[in-house]
Amino acid sequence: MRIDAHQHFWRYNAAEYGWIGESMEVLRRNFLPQDLEPELAKEGFDGCIAVQARQTLEETNWLLELAEGSPFITGVVGWVDLRSTELRSQLQAIAKHSKLIGIRHIVQGEPDDRFLLQADFLRGVALLSEFDLAYDILIYEKHLPVAVEFVQRFSRQRFVLDHLAKPLIREGKIHPWAEGIRQLAASPNVYCKVSGMVTEADWRSWTPEQFKPYLDVAWDCFGADRLMIGSDWPVCTVAASYSHVIEVVERYLRSRPTEERGKVFGGNAQEFYKLKIPTR
């Protein structure tokens, strides 16, 4: 199975998607399953994982409804308030959906750089294993030292790093990002999504060669068994088409054995998220 491990859906309105500025005009419209399905088919993907973009239970339930009506959406990484005193009951309600596979919080947007280590947030994350849910880590490079300490507190929790922690590709900087990635990868329960790279590069002039140093670090640290491809569609379209995003990783892995490419392009996502893929 080829799985796109990271993409988004939304019904656009300016109030709820204030982060979509004028430079992202292309994103100011609806993006729904019928828009993504032909892109997946063109690149030979069997399915995808829908990831939250708003921090509301309403959106999580909406994504789950979309997944129920679209078999190619193999799972949903939703949002729930992990700091809430009512977290258990909220998880019980949404975990009834078989396609809920993980939870994400937009930590990169929090004013506290040590947000991951806040006591109430840690208590919430500790509850996820009870519901067999993974956790997607969305951070910037500057948060990597805190993320290392964070994952070390939960040796049995499944974690995946989104967008390689957004290295400074546009500036051509690889340190101290590389050291932080190496430290994070030392925890064997942490995977990494090869996603979001084109939006961290110069949107108009990036080249595939610019991504190689960052992909080399990711490959060296996580290897074939803990990396998974993610398009970050439709956000990626500010800088590249769906096909071009996928091509960057295809090109990088071209010389690798078929088995290793298969893991990155679906096998690892299926195993990590425990996807329930229907038999044909």
C-alpha atoms as a PDB file:
ATOM      1  CA  MET A   1       0.000   0.000   0.000  1.00  0.00           C
ATOM      2  CA  ARG A   2       1.235   3.489  -0.909  1.00  0.00           C
ATOM      3  CA  ILE A   3       0.061   5.967   1.719  1.00  0.00           C
ATOM      4  CA  ASP A   4       0.408   9.753   1.770  1.00  0.00           C
ATOM      5  CA  ALA A   5       0.940  10.144   5.513  1.00  0.00           C
ATOM      6  CA  HIS A   6       0.186  13.846   5.796  1.00  0.00           C
ATOM      7  CA  GLN A   7      -2.386  16.080   4.102  1.00  0.00           C
ATOM      8  CA  HIS A   8      -5.232  18.420   5.044  1.00  0.00           C
ATOM      9  CA  PHE A   9      -8.831  19.239   4.155  1.00  0.00           C
ATOM     10  CA  TRP A  10     -10.754  22.419   4.886  1.00  0.00           C
ATOM     11  CA  ARG A  11     -13.711  24.589   4.002  1.00  0.00           C
ATOM     12  CA  TYR A  12     -12.051  27.954   3.809  1.00  0.00           C
ATOM     13  CA  ASN A  13     -13.097  31.082   5.615  1.00  0.00           C
ATOM     14  CA  ALA A  14     -10.793  33.944   6.539  1.00  0.00           C
ATOM     15  CA  ALA A  15     -11.726  34.030  10.231  1.00  0.00           C
ATOM     16  CA  GLU A  16     -10.776  30.410  10.934  1.00  0.00           C
ATOM     17  CA  TYR A  17      -7.724  30.279   8.684  1.00  0.00           C
ATOM     18  CA  GLY A  18      -6.036  33.539   9.567  1.00  0.00           C
ATOM     19  CA  TRP A  19      -2.600  31.958   9.053  1.00  0.00           C
ATOM     20  CA  ILE A  20      -3.275  31.848   5.308  1.00  0.00           C
ATOM     21  CA  GLY A  21      -1.867  35.258   4.397  1.00  0.00           C
ATOM     22  CA  GLU A  22      -1.829  37.138   1.100  1.00  0.00           C
ATOM     23  CA  SER A  23       1.265  35.264  -0.069  1.00  0.00           C
ATOM     24  CA  MET A  24      -0.774  32.064   0.223  1.00  0.00           C
ATOM     25  CA  GLU A  25      -3.659  33.233  -1.945  1.00  0.00           C
ATOM     26  CA  VAL A  26      -3.759  29.834  -3.677  1.00  0.00           C
ATOM     27  CA  LEU A  27      -4.938  28.259  -0.402  1.00  0.00           C
ATOM     28  CA  ARG A  28      -7.918  30.555   0.048  1.00  0.00           C
ATOM     29  CA  ARG A  29     -10.530  28.078  -1.148  1.00  0.00           C
ATOM     30  CA  ASN A  30     -12.046  24.759  -0.170  1.00  0.00           C
ATOM     31  CA  PHE A  31      -9.887  21.629  -0.344  1.00  0.00           C
ATOM     32  CA  LEU A  32     -11.943  18.448  -0.098  1.00  0.00           C
ATOM     33  CA  PRO A  33     -11.546  14.712  -0.761  1.00  0.00           C
ATOM     34  CA  GLN A  34     -12.710  15.000  -4.370  1.00  0.00           C
ATOM     35  CA  ASP A  35      -9.878  17.475  -4.990  1.00  0.00           C
ATOM     36  CA  LEU A  36      -7.192  15.177  -3.601  1.00  0.00           C
ATOM     37  CA  GLU A  37      -8.335  11.821  -4.963  1.00  0.00           C
ATOM     38  CA  PRO A  38      -7.117  12.404  -8.555  1.00  0.00           C
ATOM     39  CA  GLU A  39      -3.744  13.603  -7.259  1.00  0.00           C
ATOM     40  CA  LEU A  40      -3.340  10.424  -5.233  1.00  0.00           C
ATOM     41  CA  ALA A  41      -4.329   8.262  -8.199  1.00  0.00           C
ATOM     42  CA  LYS A  42      -1.886  10.030 -10.501  1.00  0.00           C
ATOM     43  CA  GLU A  43       1.021   9.226  -8.177  1.00  0.00           C
ATOM     44  CA  GLY A  44      -0.115   5.674  -7.466  1.00  0.00           C
ATOM     45  CA  PHE A  45      -1.181   6.189  -3.860  1.00  0.00           C
ATOM     46  CA  ASP A  46      -3.805   3.883  -2.384  1.00  0.00           C
ATOM     47  CA  GLY A  47      -4.749   6.166   0.482  1.00  0.00           C
ATOM     48  CA  CYS A  48      -3.902   9.112   2.697  1.00  0.00           C
ATOM     49  CA  ILE A  49      -3.962  10.343   6.277  1.00  0.00           C
ATOM     50  CA  ALA A  50      -5.918  13.530   6.993  1.00  0.00           C
ATOM     51  CA  VAL A  51      -4.314  15.756   9.627  1.00  0.00           C
ATOM     52  CA  GLN A  52      -5.995  18.509  11.625  1.00  0.00           C
ATOM     53  CA  ALA A  53      -5.480  22.142  10.681  1.00  0.00           C
ATOM     54  CA  ARG A  54      -7.720  23.792  13.300  1.00  0.00           C
ATOM     55  CA  GLN A  55      -7.712  23.167  17.036  1.00  0.00           C
ATOM     56  CA  THR A  56     -11.388  22.336  17.473  1.00  0.00           C
ATOM     57  CA  LEU A  57     -13.304  19.165  18.222  1.00  0.00           C
ATOM     58  CA  GLU A  58     -15.715  20.264  15.522  1.00  0.00           C
ATOM     59  CA  GLU A  59     -13.018  19.918  12.874  1.00  0.00           C
ATOM     60  CA  THR A  60     -11.904  16.543  14.230  1.00  0.00           C
ATOM     61  CA  ASN A  61     -15.443  15.189  13.961  1.00  0.00           C
ATOM     62  CA  TRP A  62     -15.793  16.678  10.477  1.00  0.00           C
ATOM     63  CA  LEU A  63     -12.584  14.961   9.320  1.00  0.00           C
ATOM     64  CA  LEU A  64     -13.840  11.678  10.725  1.00  0.00           C
ATOM     65  CA  GLU A  65     -17.094  12.120   8.795  1.00  0.00           C
ATOM     66  CA  LEU A  66     -15.100  12.736   5.610  1.00  0.00           C
ATOM     67  CA  ALA A  67     -13.074   9.601   6.287  1.00  0.00           C
ATOM     68  CA  GLU A  68     -16.162   7.489   6.759  1.00  0.00           C
ATOM     69  CA  GLY A  69     -17.456   8.643   3.384  1.00  0.00           C
ATOM     70  CA  SER A  70     -14.125   8.337   1.549  1.00  0.00           C
ATOM     71  CA  PRO A  71     -12.470   4.902   1.826  1.00  0.00           C
ATOM     72  CA  PHE A  72      -9.129   6.247   0.561  1.00  0.00           C
ATOM     73  CA  ILE A  73      -8.807   8.358   3.744  1.00  0.00           C
ATOM     74  CA  THR A  74      -7.248   5.603   5.822  1.00  0.00           C
ATOM     75  CA  GLY A  75      -6.978   7.567   9.056  1.00  0.00           C
ATOM     76  CA  VAL A  76      -7.398  10.914  10.807  1.00  0.00           C
ATOM     77  CA  VAL A  77      -4.936  12.701  13.077  1.00  0.00           C
ATOM     78  CA  GLY A  78      -7.301  14.975  14.964  1.00  0.00           C
ATOM     79  CA  TRP A  79      -7.165  17.489  17.776  1.00  0.00           C
ATOM     80  CA  VAL A  80      -8.456  17.323  21.306  1.00  0.00           C
ATOM     81  CA  ASP A  81      -7.580  19.614  24.214  1.00  0.00           C
ATOM     82  CA  LEU A  82      -4.891  17.555  25.901  1.00  0.00           C
ATOM     83  CA  ARG A  83      -4.859  20.012  28.818  1.00  0.00           C
ATOM     84  CA  SER A  84      -8.574  19.673  29.548  1.00  0.00           C
ATOM     85  CA  THR A  85      -9.845  18.197  32.807  1.00  0.00           C
ATOM     86  CA  GLU A  86     -12.487  16.493  30.635  1.00  0.00           C
ATOM     87  CA  LEU A  87      -9.939  14.906  28.328  1.00  0.00           C
ATOM     88  CA  ARG A  88     -10.854  11.300  29.080  1.00  0.00           C
ATOM     89  CA  SER A  89     -14.510  11.777  28.186  1.00  0.00           C
ATOM     90  CA  GLN A  90     -13.561  13.723  25.042  1.00  0.00           C
ATOM     91  CA  LEU A  91     -11.241  10.928  23.941  1.00  0.00           C
ATOM     92  CA  GLN A  92     -13.859   8.307  24.695  1.00  0.00           C
ATOM     93  CA  ALA A  93     -16.297  10.132  22.418  1.00  0.00           C
ATOM     94  CA  ILE A  94     -14.027  10.535  19.385  1.00  0.00           C
ATOM     95  CA  ALA A  95     -12.101   7.268  19.801  1.00  0.00           C
ATOM     96  CA  LYS A  96     -15.290   5.401  18.925  1.00  0.00           C
ATOM     97  CA  HIS A  97     -14.410   6.215  15.325  1.00  0.00           C
ATOM     98  CA  SER A  98     -12.171   3.458  13.990  1.00  0.00           C
ATOM     99  CA  LYS A  99     -10.342   5.883  11.701  1.00  0.00           C
ATOM    100  CA  LEU A 100      -9.098   8.113  14.523  1.00  0.00           C
ATOM    101  CA  ILE A 101      -5.427   7.135  14.637  1.00  0.00           C
ATOM    102  CA  GLY A 102      -3.657  10.024  16.313  1.00  0.00           C
ATOM    103  CA  ILE A 103      -3.735  13.452  17.935  1.00  0.00           C
ATOM    104  CA  ARG A 104      -1.834  16.643  17.120  1.00  0.00           C
ATOM    105  CA  HIS A 105      -1.441  20.012  18.810  1.00  0.00           C
ATOM    106  CA  ILE A 106      -0.042  23.024  16.939  1.00  0.00           C
ATOM    107  CA  VAL A 107       2.855  23.456  19.339  1.00  0.00           C
ATOM    108  CA  GLN A 108       4.771  25.632  16.872  1.00  0.00           C
ATOM    109  CA  GLY A 109       2.158  28.335  17.445  1.00  0.00           C
ATOM    110  CA  GLU A 110       2.386  28.365  21.227  1.00  0.00           C
ATOM    111  CA  PRO A 111       4.149  31.403  22.789  1.00  0.00           C
ATOM    112  CA  ASP A 112       5.862  29.203  25.384  1.00  0.00           C
ATOM    113  CA  ASP A 113       8.845  27.486  23.740  1.00  0.00           C
ATOM    114  CA  ARG A 114       8.700  24.843  26.481  1.00  0.00           C
ATOM    115  CA  PHE A 115       5.001  24.149  25.981  1.00  0.00           C
ATOM    116  CA  LEU A 116       5.587  20.415  25.462  1.00  0.00           C
ATOM    117  CA  LEU A 117       6.773  20.142  29.060  1.00  0.00           C
ATOM    118  CA  GLN A 118       3.849  21.891  30.728  1.00  0.00           C
ATOM    119  CA  ALA A 119       2.422  19.636  33.435  1.00  0.00           C
ATOM    120  CA  ASP A 120      -1.174  19.587  32.195  1.00  0.00           C
ATOM    121  CA  PHE A 121      -0.056  18.839  28.630  1.00  0.00           C
ATOM    122  CA  LEU A 122       2.157  15.980  29.827  1.00  0.00           C
ATOM    123  CA  ARG A 123      -0.787  14.506  31.744  1.00  0.00           C
ATOM    124  CA  GLY A 124      -2.846  14.603  28.576  1.00  0.00           C
ATOM    125  CA  VAL A 125      -0.220  12.920  26.420  1.00  0.00           C
ATOM    126  CA  ALA A 126       0.148  10.202  29.056  1.00  0.00           C
ATOM    127  CA  LEU A 127      -3.497   9.286  28.449  1.00  0.00           C
ATOM    128  CA  LEU A 128      -3.112   8.666  24.697  1.00  0.00           C
ATOM    129  CA  SER A 129      -1.629   5.195  25.062  1.00  0.00           C
ATOM    130  CA  GLU A 130      -4.778   4.073  26.868  1.00  0.00           C
ATOM    131  CA  PHE A 131      -6.658   4.771  23.625  1.00  0.00           C
ATOM    132  CA  ASP A 132      -3.840   3.431  21.421  1.00  0.00           C
ATOM    133  CA  LEU A 133      -3.410   6.796  19.702  1.00  0.00           C
ATOM    134  CA  ALA A 134      -0.211   8.158  18.174  1.00  0.00           C
ATOM    135  CA  TYR A 135       0.947  11.745  18.649  1.00  0.00           C
ATOM    136  CA  ASP A 136       2.187  14.013  15.837  1.00  0.00           C
ATOM    137  CA  ILE A 137       4.866  16.491  16.934  1.00  0.00           C
ATOM    138  CA  LEU A 138       4.519  19.833  15.103  1.00  0.00           C
ATOM    139  CA  ILE A 139       7.399  22.128  16.055  1.00  0.00           C
ATOM    140  CA  TYR A 140      10.086  24.411  14.698  1.00  0.00           C
ATOM    141  CA  GLU A 141      13.797  23.687  14.785  1.00  0.00           C
ATOM    142  CA  LYS A 142      14.151  25.804  17.928  1.00  0.00           C
ATOM    143  CA  HIS A 143      11.890  23.408  19.830  1.00  0.00           C
ATOM    144  CA  LEU A 144      13.976  20.287  19.171  1.00  0.00           C
ATOM    145  CA  PRO A 145      15.877  20.268  22.513  1.00  0.00           C
ATOM    146  CA  VAL A 146      12.574  20.428  24.406  1.00  0.00           C
ATOM    147  CA  ALA A 147      11.077  17.748  22.133  1.00  0.00           C
ATOM    148  CA  VAL A 148      13.981  15.441  22.991  1.00  0.00           C
ATOM    149  CA  GLU A 149      13.209  15.760  26.682  1.00  0.00           C
ATOM    150  CA  PHE A 150       9.493  15.388  25.960  1.00  0.00           C
ATOM    151  CA  VAL A 151       9.696  12.055  24.114  1.00  0.00           C
ATOM    152  CA  GLN A 152      12.121  10.624  26.664  1.00  0.00           C
ATOM    153  CA  ARG A 153       9.322  10.828  29.243  1.00  0.00           C
ATOM    154  CA  PHE A 154       7.104   8.464  27.230  1.00  0.00           C
ATOM    155  CA  SER A 155       9.052   5.418  26.119  1.00  0.00           C
ATOM    156  CA  ARG A 156       5.910   3.515  25.083  1.00  0.00           C
ATOM    157  CA  GLN A 157       4.078   6.312  23.294  1.00  0.00           C
ATOM    158  CA  ARG A 158       4.235   6.391  19.470  1.00  0.00           C
ATOM    159  CA  PHE A 159       5.510   9.750  18.211  1.00  0.00           C
ATOM    160  CA  VAL A 160       6.059  11.067  14.692  1.00  0.00           C
ATOM    161  CA  LEU A 161       7.816  14.327  13.865  1.00  0.00           C
ATOM    162  CA  ASP A 162       5.998  16.412  11.253  1.00  0.00           C
ATOM    163  CA  HIS A 163       7.887  18.216   8.476  1.00  0.00           C
ATOM    164  CA  LEU A 164      11.342  17.320   9.832  1.00  0.00           C
ATOM    165  CA  ALA A 165      10.849  20.102  12.440  1.00  0.00           C
ATOM    166  CA  LYS A 166      10.946  22.669   9.628  1.00  0.00           C
ATOM    167  CA  PRO A 167      14.682  23.147   9.023  1.00  0.00           C
ATOM    168  CA  LEU A 168      15.863  26.495   7.641  1.00  0.00           C
ATOM    169  CA  ILE A 169      16.153  25.273   4.049  1.00  0.00           C
ATOM    170  CA  ARG A 170      15.589  28.739   2.572  1.00  0.00           C
ATOM    171  CA  GLU A 171      18.689  29.948   4.420  1.00  0.00           C
ATOM    172  CA  GLY A 172      20.703  26.834   3.658  1.00  0.00           C
ATOM    173  CA  LYS A 173      21.353  26.240   7.374  1.00  0.00           C
ATOM    174  CA  ILE A 174      21.674  22.699   8.634  1.00  0.00           C
ATOM    175  CA  HIS A 175      23.083  23.250  12.139  1.00  0.00           C
ATOM    176  CA  PRO A 176      21.970  23.027  14.925  1.00  0.00           C
ATOM    177  CA  TRP A 177      18.946  21.350  13.309  1.00  0.00           C
ATOM    178  CA  ALA A 178      20.933  18.240  12.387  1.00  0.00           C
ATOM    179  CA  GLU A 179      22.150  17.706  15.950  1.00  0.00           C
ATOM    180  CA  GLY A 180      18.635  18.110  17.311  1.00  0.00           C
ATOM    181  CA  ILE A 181      17.248  15.573  14.835  1.00  0.00           C
ATOM    182  CA  ARG A 182      19.942  13.090  15.768  1.00  0.00           C
ATOM    183  CA  GLN A 183      19.112  13.434  19.468  1.00  0.00           C
ATOM    184  CA  LEU A 184      15.378  13.062  18.835  1.00  0.00           C
ATOM    185  CA  ALA A 185      15.888  10.000  16.643  1.00  0.00           C
ATOM    186  CA  ALA A 186      17.815   8.316  19.466  1.00  0.00           C
ATOM    187  CA  SER A 187      14.394   7.485  20.955  1.00  0.00           C
ATOM    188  CA  PRO A 188      13.266   4.428  18.953  1.00  0.00           C
ATOM    189  CA  ASN A 189       9.566   5.237  19.411  1.00  0.00           C
ATOM    190  CA  VAL A 190       9.933   8.412  17.303  1.00  0.00           C
ATOM    191  CA  TYR A 191       9.294   8.327  13.539  1.00  0.00           C
ATOM    192  CA  CYS A 192       9.617  11.200  11.075  1.00  0.00           C
ATOM    193  CA  LYS A 193       7.550  12.457   8.147  1.00  0.00           C
ATOM    194  CA  VAL A 194       9.409  13.491   5.029  1.00  0.00           C
ATOM    195  CA  SER A 195       7.025  16.352   4.404  1.00  0.00           C
ATOM    196  CA  GLY A 196       6.756  20.123   4.335  1.00  0.00           C
ATOM    197  CA  MET A 197      10.166  20.705   2.752  1.00  0.00           C
ATOM    198  CA  VAL A 198       9.133  22.800  -0.256  1.00  0.00           C
ATOM    199  CA  THR A 199       7.390  25.364   1.929  1.00  0.00           C
ATOM    200  CA  GLU A 200      10.579  25.832   3.986  1.00  0.00           C
ATOM    201  CA  ALA A 201      12.574  26.506   0.813  1.00  0.00           C
ATOM    202  CA  ASP A 202      12.304  29.484  -1.538  1.00  0.00           C
ATOM    203  CA  TRP A 203       8.864  28.952  -3.052  1.00  0.00           C
ATOM    204  CA  ARG A 204       9.845  30.222  -6.494  1.00  0.00           C
ATOM    205  CA  SER A 205      13.398  28.994  -6.979  1.00  0.00           C
ATOM    206  CA  TRP A 206      13.955  25.780  -5.001  1.00  0.00           C
ATOM    207  CA  THR A 207      15.741  22.860  -6.605  1.00  0.00           C
ATOM    208  CA  PRO A 208      15.708  19.160  -5.585  1.00  0.00           C
ATOM    209  CA  GLU A 209      19.427  19.354  -4.819  1.00  0.00           C
ATOM    210  CA  GLN A 210      18.764  21.827  -1.983  1.00  0.00           C
ATOM    211  CA  PHE A 211      16.848  19.175  -0.046  1.00  0.00           C
ATOM    212  CA  LYS A 212      19.535  16.487  -0.232  1.00  0.00           C
ATOM    213  CA  PRO A 213      21.559  17.552   2.863  1.00  0.00           C
ATOM    214  CA  TYR A 214      18.390  17.502   4.983  1.00  0.00           C
ATOM    215  CA  LEU A 215      17.215  14.211   3.541  1.00  0.00           C
ATOM    216  CA  ASP A 216      20.674  12.755   4.188  1.00  0.00           C
ATOM    217  CA  VAL A 217      20.380  13.673   7.876  1.00  0.00           C
ATOM    218  CA  ALA A 218      16.853  12.270   8.120  1.00  0.00           C
ATOM    219  CA  TRP A 219      17.895   9.043   6.413  1.00  0.00           C
ATOM    220  CA  ASP A 220      20.999   8.664   8.565  1.00  0.00           C
ATOM    221  CA  CYS A 221      19.020   9.255  11.769  1.00  0.00           C
ATOM    222  CA  PHE A 222      15.719   7.454  11.120  1.00  0.00           C
ATOM    223  CA  GLY A 223      16.582   5.082   8.277  1.00  0.00           C
ATOM    224  CA  ALA A 224      14.207   3.126   6.083  1.00  0.00           C
ATOM    225  CA  ASP A 225      12.201   1.815   9.045  1.00  0.00           C
ATOM    226  CA  ARG A 226      11.099   5.136  10.593  1.00  0.00           C
ATOM    227  CA  LEU A 227      10.532   7.567   7.715  1.00  0.00           C
ATOM    228  CA  MET A 228       7.216   8.122   5.925  1.00  0.00           C
ATOM    229  CA  ILE A 229       6.273  10.256   2.927  1.00  0.00           C
ATOM    230  CA  GLY A 230       3.801  13.093   3.385  1.00  0.00           C
ATOM    231  CA  SER A 231       2.743  15.622   0.769  1.00  0.00           C
ATOM    232  CA  ASP A 232       1.411  18.315   3.127  1.00  0.00           C
ATOM    233  CA  TRP A 233      -1.203  18.990   0.431  1.00  0.00           C
ATOM    234  CA  PRO A 234      -2.681  21.514  -0.114  1.00  0.00           C
ATOM    235  CA  VAL A 235      -0.195  23.684   1.813  1.00  0.00           C
ATOM    236  CA  CYS A 236       2.571  22.437  -0.478  1.00  0.00           C
ATOM    237  CA  THR A 237       0.873  24.026  -3.487  1.00  0.00           C
ATOM    238  CA  VAL A 238       2.186  27.464  -2.533  1.00  0.00           C
ATOM    239  CA  ALA A 239       5.588  26.182  -3.693  1.00  0.00           C
ATOM    240  CA  ALA A 240       5.046  23.058  -5.803  1.00  0.00           C
ATOM    241  CA  SER A 241       2.494  20.787  -7.379  1.00  0.00           C
ATOM    242  CA  TYR A 242       1.548  17.539  -5.675  1.00  0.00           C
ATOM    243  CA  SER A 243       3.525  15.586  -8.278  1.00  0.00           C
ATOM    244  CA  HIS A 244       6.666  17.675  -7.819  1.00  0.00           C
ATOM    245  CA  VAL A 245       6.579  17.216  -4.029  1.00  0.00           C
ATOM    246  CA  ILE A 246       6.381  13.449  -4.392  1.00  0.00           C
ATOM    247  CA  GLU A 247       9.037  13.474  -7.090  1.00  0.00           C
ATOM    248  CA  VAL A 248      11.594  15.035  -4.732  1.00  0.00           C
ATOM    249  CA  VAL A 249      11.459  12.010  -2.429  1.00  0.00           C
ATOM    250  CA  GLU A 250      11.111   9.515  -5.291  1.00  0.00           C
ATOM    251  CA  ARG A 251      14.251  10.942  -6.817  1.00  0.00           C
ATOM    252  CA  TYR A 252      16.167  10.796  -3.539  1.00  0.00           C
ATOM    253  CA  LEU A 253      15.243   7.150  -2.949  1.00  0.00           C
ATOM    254  CA  ARG A 254      15.702   6.023  -6.559  1.00  0.00           C
ATOM    255  CA  SER A 255      18.848   4.025  -5.811  1.00  0.00           C
ATOM    256  CA  ARG A 256      17.438   2.370  -2.696  1.00  0.00           C
ATOM    257  CA  PRO A 257      16.098  -1.203  -2.696  1.00  0.00           C
ATOM    258  CA  THR A 258      12.421  -1.638  -3.547  1.00  0.00           C
ATOM    259  CA  GLU A 259      11.671  -2.860  -0.018  1.00  0.00           C
ATOM    260  CA  GLU A 260      13.091   0.306   1.555  1.00  0.00           C
ATOM    261  CA  ARG A 261      11.201   2.580  -0.828  1.00  0.00           C
ATOM    262  CA  GLY A 262       8.023   0.655  -0.041  1.00  0.00           C
ATOM    263  CA  LYS A 263       8.455   1.281   3.672  1.00  0.00           C
ATOM    264  CA  VAL A 264       8.865   5.038   3.248  1.00  0.00           C
ATOM    265  CA  PHE A 265       5.993   5.246   0.765  1.00  0.00           C
ATOM    266  CA  GLY A 266       3.431   3.449   2.881  1.00  0.00           C
ATOM    267  CA  GLY A 267       4.645   0.504   4.898  1.00  0.00           C
ATOM    268  CA  ASN A 268       5.909   2.549   7.825  1.00  0.00           C
ATOM    269  CA  ALA A 269       2.760   4.682   7.983  1.00  0.00           C
ATOM    270  CA  GLN A 270       0.609   1.579   7.955  1.00  0.00           C
ATOM    271  CA  GLU A 271       2.612   0.033  10.803  1.00  0.00           C
ATOM    272  CA  PHE A 272       3.083   3.186  12.882  1.00  0.00           C
ATOM    273  CA  TYR A 273      -0.540   4.329  12.763  1.00  0.00           C
ATOM    274  CA  LYS A 274      -1.887   0.747  12.863  1.00  0.00           C
ATOM    275  CA  LEU A 275      -4.015   1.456   9.826  1.00  0.00           C
ATOM    276  CA  LYS A 276      -6.912  -0.882   9.234  1.00  0.00           C
ATOM    277  CA  ILE A 277      -6.596  -1.329   5.493  1.00  0.00           C
ATOM    278  CA  PRO A 278      -9.566  -3.178   3.967  1.00  0.00           C
ATOM    279  CA  THR A 279      -8.694  -6.211   1.887  1.00  0.00           C
ATOM    280  CA  ARG A 280      -9.627  -6.155  -1.760  1.00  0.00           C
END
